[in-house]
Amino acid sequence: MILTLEAAGDAAALERYAQNNAEKFQGVLEAAKRHGLIAHRFYGSEDGSRVMVADEWPDRQSFESFFQEQGGEIRPMFEAAGVTTQIEPKFWRELSMQDAYGWGA
């Protein structure tokens, strides 16, 4: 299952926050792995005005358990990027299309 989180925010500010708070990011990553995280990336739009997280989880419940535990650590990361809106995760299921490529297809 793929999860995306997207919001208006300053991608460069988020990168600076990550560089200055590497131990916080590592702690959240380790917690996510304990909850089953398969893959994770942060992205910024080309103009730097939006940030997005793309994760792969075994199921929705694994992510929700992780986020319930770590939400207090995650919110300041987004706030550092100027994100002020509520971030709503979007969950995506893989479609059977007979054209899968990469990611161990």
C-alpha atoms as a PDB file:
ATOM      1  CA  MET A   1       0.000   0.000   0.000  1.00  0.00           C
ATOM      2  CA  ILE A   2       1.316   3.426  -0.950  1.00  0.00           C
ATOM      3  CA  LEU A   3       0.660   6.461   1.212  1.00  0.00           C
ATOM      4  CA  THR A   4       1.133  10.083   0.168  1.00  0.00           C
ATOM      5  CA  LEU A   5       1.021  13.258   2.248  1.00  0.00           C
ATOM      6  CA  GLU A   6       1.140  16.567   0.384  1.00  0.00           C
ATOM      7  CA  ALA A   7       0.929  20.178   1.509  1.00  0.00           C
ATOM      8  CA  ALA A   8       1.930  23.715   0.652  1.00  0.00           C
ATOM      9  CA  GLY A   9       5.222  24.403   2.402  1.00  0.00           C
ATOM     10  CA  ASP A  10       8.826  25.475   1.979  1.00  0.00           C
ATOM     11  CA  ALA A  11      10.817  22.458   0.804  1.00  0.00           C
ATOM     12  CA  ALA A  12      14.179  24.164   1.443  1.00  0.00           C
ATOM     13  CA  ALA A  13      13.149  25.010   5.018  1.00  0.00           C
ATOM     14  CA  LEU A  14      12.214  21.374   5.586  1.00  0.00           C
ATOM     15  CA  GLU A  15      15.616  20.250   4.301  1.00  0.00           C
ATOM     16  CA  ARG A  16      17.369  22.722   6.623  1.00  0.00           C
ATOM     17  CA  TYR A  17      15.278  21.494   9.565  1.00  0.00           C
ATOM     18  CA  ALA A  18      16.229  17.901   8.714  1.00  0.00           C
ATOM     19  CA  GLN A  19      19.933  18.782   8.571  1.00  0.00           C
ATOM     20  CA  ASN A  20      19.717  20.499  11.964  1.00  0.00           C
ATOM     21  CA  ASN A  21      17.594  17.749  13.551  1.00  0.00           C
ATOM     22  CA  ALA A  22      18.957  14.554  12.045  1.00  0.00           C
ATOM     23  CA  GLU A  23      18.476  12.622  15.291  1.00  0.00           C
ATOM     24  CA  LYS A  24      14.742  13.426  15.335  1.00  0.00           C
ATOM     25  CA  PHE A  25      14.307  12.233  11.761  1.00  0.00           C
ATOM     26  CA  GLN A  26      16.295   9.085  12.489  1.00  0.00           C
ATOM     27  CA  GLY A  27      14.172   8.375  15.571  1.00  0.00           C
ATOM     28  CA  VAL A  28      10.943   8.709  13.594  1.00  0.00           C
ATOM     29  CA  LEU A  29      12.366   6.512  10.828  1.00  0.00           C
ATOM     30  CA  GLU A  30      13.344   3.805  13.300  1.00  0.00           C
ATOM     31  CA  ALA A  31       9.831   3.890  14.810  1.00  0.00           C
ATOM     32  CA  ALA A  32       8.318   3.627  11.319  1.00  0.00           C
ATOM     33  CA  LYS A  33      10.464   0.589  10.531  1.00  0.00           C
ATOM     34  CA  ARG A  34       9.312  -1.074  13.764  1.00  0.00           C
ATOM     35  CA  HIS A  35       5.727  -0.566  12.544  1.00  0.00           C
ATOM     36  CA  GLY A  36       6.468  -2.160   9.150  1.00  0.00           C
ATOM     37  CA  LEU A  37       7.582   0.697   6.868  1.00  0.00           C
ATOM     38  CA  ILE A  38       8.854  -0.689   3.556  1.00  0.00           C
ATOM     39  CA  ALA A  39      10.044   2.509   1.814  1.00  0.00           C
ATOM     40  CA  HIS A  40      10.001   6.260   2.500  1.00  0.00           C
ATOM     41  CA  ARG A  41      10.938   9.522   0.748  1.00  0.00           C
ATOM     42  CA  PHE A  42      10.344  13.259   1.151  1.00  0.00           C
ATOM     43  CA  TYR A  43       9.932  15.289  -2.053  1.00  0.00           C
ATOM     44  CA  GLY A  44       9.740  18.982  -2.862  1.00  0.00           C
ATOM     45  CA  SER A  45       8.055  20.505  -5.892  1.00  0.00           C
ATOM     46  CA  GLU A  46      10.325  22.028  -8.521  1.00  0.00           C
ATOM     47  CA  ASP A  47       9.466  25.548  -7.361  1.00  0.00           C
ATOM     48  CA  GLY A  48       9.988  24.541  -3.711  1.00  0.00           C
ATOM     49  CA  SER A  49       6.490  25.582  -2.618  1.00  0.00           C
ATOM     50  CA  ARG A  50       5.098  22.119  -1.822  1.00  0.00           C
ATOM     51  CA  VAL A  51       6.301  19.116   0.124  1.00  0.00           C
ATOM     52  CA  MET A  52       5.240  15.525  -0.225  1.00  0.00           C
ATOM     53  CA  VAL A  53       5.926  12.275   1.580  1.00  0.00           C
ATOM     54  CA  ALA A  54       5.661   8.990  -0.296  1.00  0.00           C
ATOM     55  CA  ASP A  55       5.715   5.802   1.768  1.00  0.00           C
ATOM     56  CA  GLU A  56       5.117   2.144   1.197  1.00  0.00           C
ATOM     57  CA  TRP A  57       3.485   0.233   4.077  1.00  0.00           C
ATOM     58  CA  PRO A  58       2.214  -3.339   4.338  1.00  0.00           C
ATOM     59  CA  ASP A  59      -1.274  -2.005   5.185  1.00  0.00           C
ATOM     60  CA  ARG A  60      -3.135   1.067   6.395  1.00  0.00           C
ATOM     61  CA  GLN A  61      -3.270  -0.142  10.001  1.00  0.00           C
ATOM     62  CA  SER A  62       0.535  -0.268  10.226  1.00  0.00           C
ATOM     63  CA  PHE A  63       0.791   3.384   9.198  1.00  0.00           C
ATOM     64  CA  GLU A  64      -2.018   4.472  11.506  1.00  0.00           C
ATOM     65  CA  SER A  65      -0.402   2.728  14.473  1.00  0.00           C
ATOM     66  CA  PHE A  66       2.909   4.438  13.665  1.00  0.00           C
ATOM     67  CA  PHE A  67       1.327   7.868  13.208  1.00  0.00           C
ATOM     68  CA  GLN A  68      -0.628   7.597  16.450  1.00  0.00           C
ATOM     69  CA  GLU A  69       2.644   6.918  18.253  1.00  0.00           C
ATOM     70  CA  GLN A  70       4.827   9.453  16.411  1.00  0.00           C
ATOM     71  CA  GLY A  71       2.450  12.275  15.414  1.00  0.00           C
ATOM     72  CA  GLY A  72       3.869  14.567  18.081  1.00  0.00           C
ATOM     73  CA  GLU A  73       7.330  14.179  16.541  1.00  0.00           C
ATOM     74  CA  ILE A  74       6.144  14.494  12.932  1.00  0.00           C
ATOM     75  CA  ARG A  75       4.028  17.655  13.216  1.00  0.00           C
ATOM     76  CA  PRO A  76       7.003  19.937  14.100  1.00  0.00           C
ATOM     77  CA  MET A  77       8.767  18.737  10.947  1.00  0.00           C
ATOM     78  CA  PHE A  78       5.930  19.989   8.789  1.00  0.00           C
ATOM     79  CA  GLU A  79       5.564  23.158  10.852  1.00  0.00           C
ATOM     80  CA  ALA A  80       9.257  23.908  10.164  1.00  0.00           C
ATOM     81  CA  ALA A  81       8.348  23.932   6.473  1.00  0.00           C
ATOM     82  CA  GLY A  82       5.555  26.427   7.103  1.00  0.00           C
ATOM     83  CA  VAL A  83       2.767  23.867   6.716  1.00  0.00           C
ATOM     84  CA  THR A  84      -0.224  25.146   8.656  1.00  0.00           C
ATOM     85  CA  THR A  85      -3.045  23.045   7.225  1.00  0.00           C
ATOM     86  CA  GLN A  86      -4.146  19.653   8.490  1.00  0.00           C
ATOM     87  CA  ILE A  87      -2.300  17.004   6.531  1.00  0.00           C
ATOM     88  CA  GLU A  88      -4.492  14.154   5.405  1.00  0.00           C
ATOM     89  CA  PRO A  89      -2.831  10.944   4.265  1.00  0.00           C
ATOM     90  CA  LYS A  90      -4.010   9.410   1.007  1.00  0.00           C
ATOM     91  CA  PHE A  91      -3.861   5.643   0.714  1.00  0.00           C
ATOM     92  CA  TRP A  92      -3.348   3.948  -2.640  1.00  0.00           C
ATOM     93  CA  ARG A  93      -3.689   0.308  -3.579  1.00  0.00           C
ATOM     94  CA  GLU A  94      -1.775  -1.212  -6.454  1.00  0.00           C
ATOM     95  CA  LEU A  95      -3.881  -2.021  -9.463  1.00  0.00           C
ATOM     96  CA  SER A  96      -3.331  -5.277 -11.344  1.00  0.00           C
ATOM     97  CA  MET A  97      -2.320  -3.892 -14.731  1.00  0.00           C
ATOM     98  CA  GLN A  98       0.215  -6.429 -16.051  1.00  0.00           C
ATOM     99  CA  ASP A  99       2.787  -3.664 -16.593  1.00  0.00           C
ATOM    100  CA  ALA A 100       4.566  -3.433 -13.225  1.00  0.00           C
ATOM    101  CA  TYR A 101       8.224  -2.438 -13.453  1.00  0.00           C
ATOM    102  CA  GLY A 102      10.859  -1.837 -10.771  1.00  0.00           C
ATOM    103  CA  TRP A 103      10.480  -2.098  -6.974  1.00  0.00           C
ATOM    104  CA  GLY A 104      10.954  -5.851  -7.214  1.00  0.00           C
ATOM    105  CA  ALA A 105       8.141  -6.318  -9.753  1.00  0.00           C
END
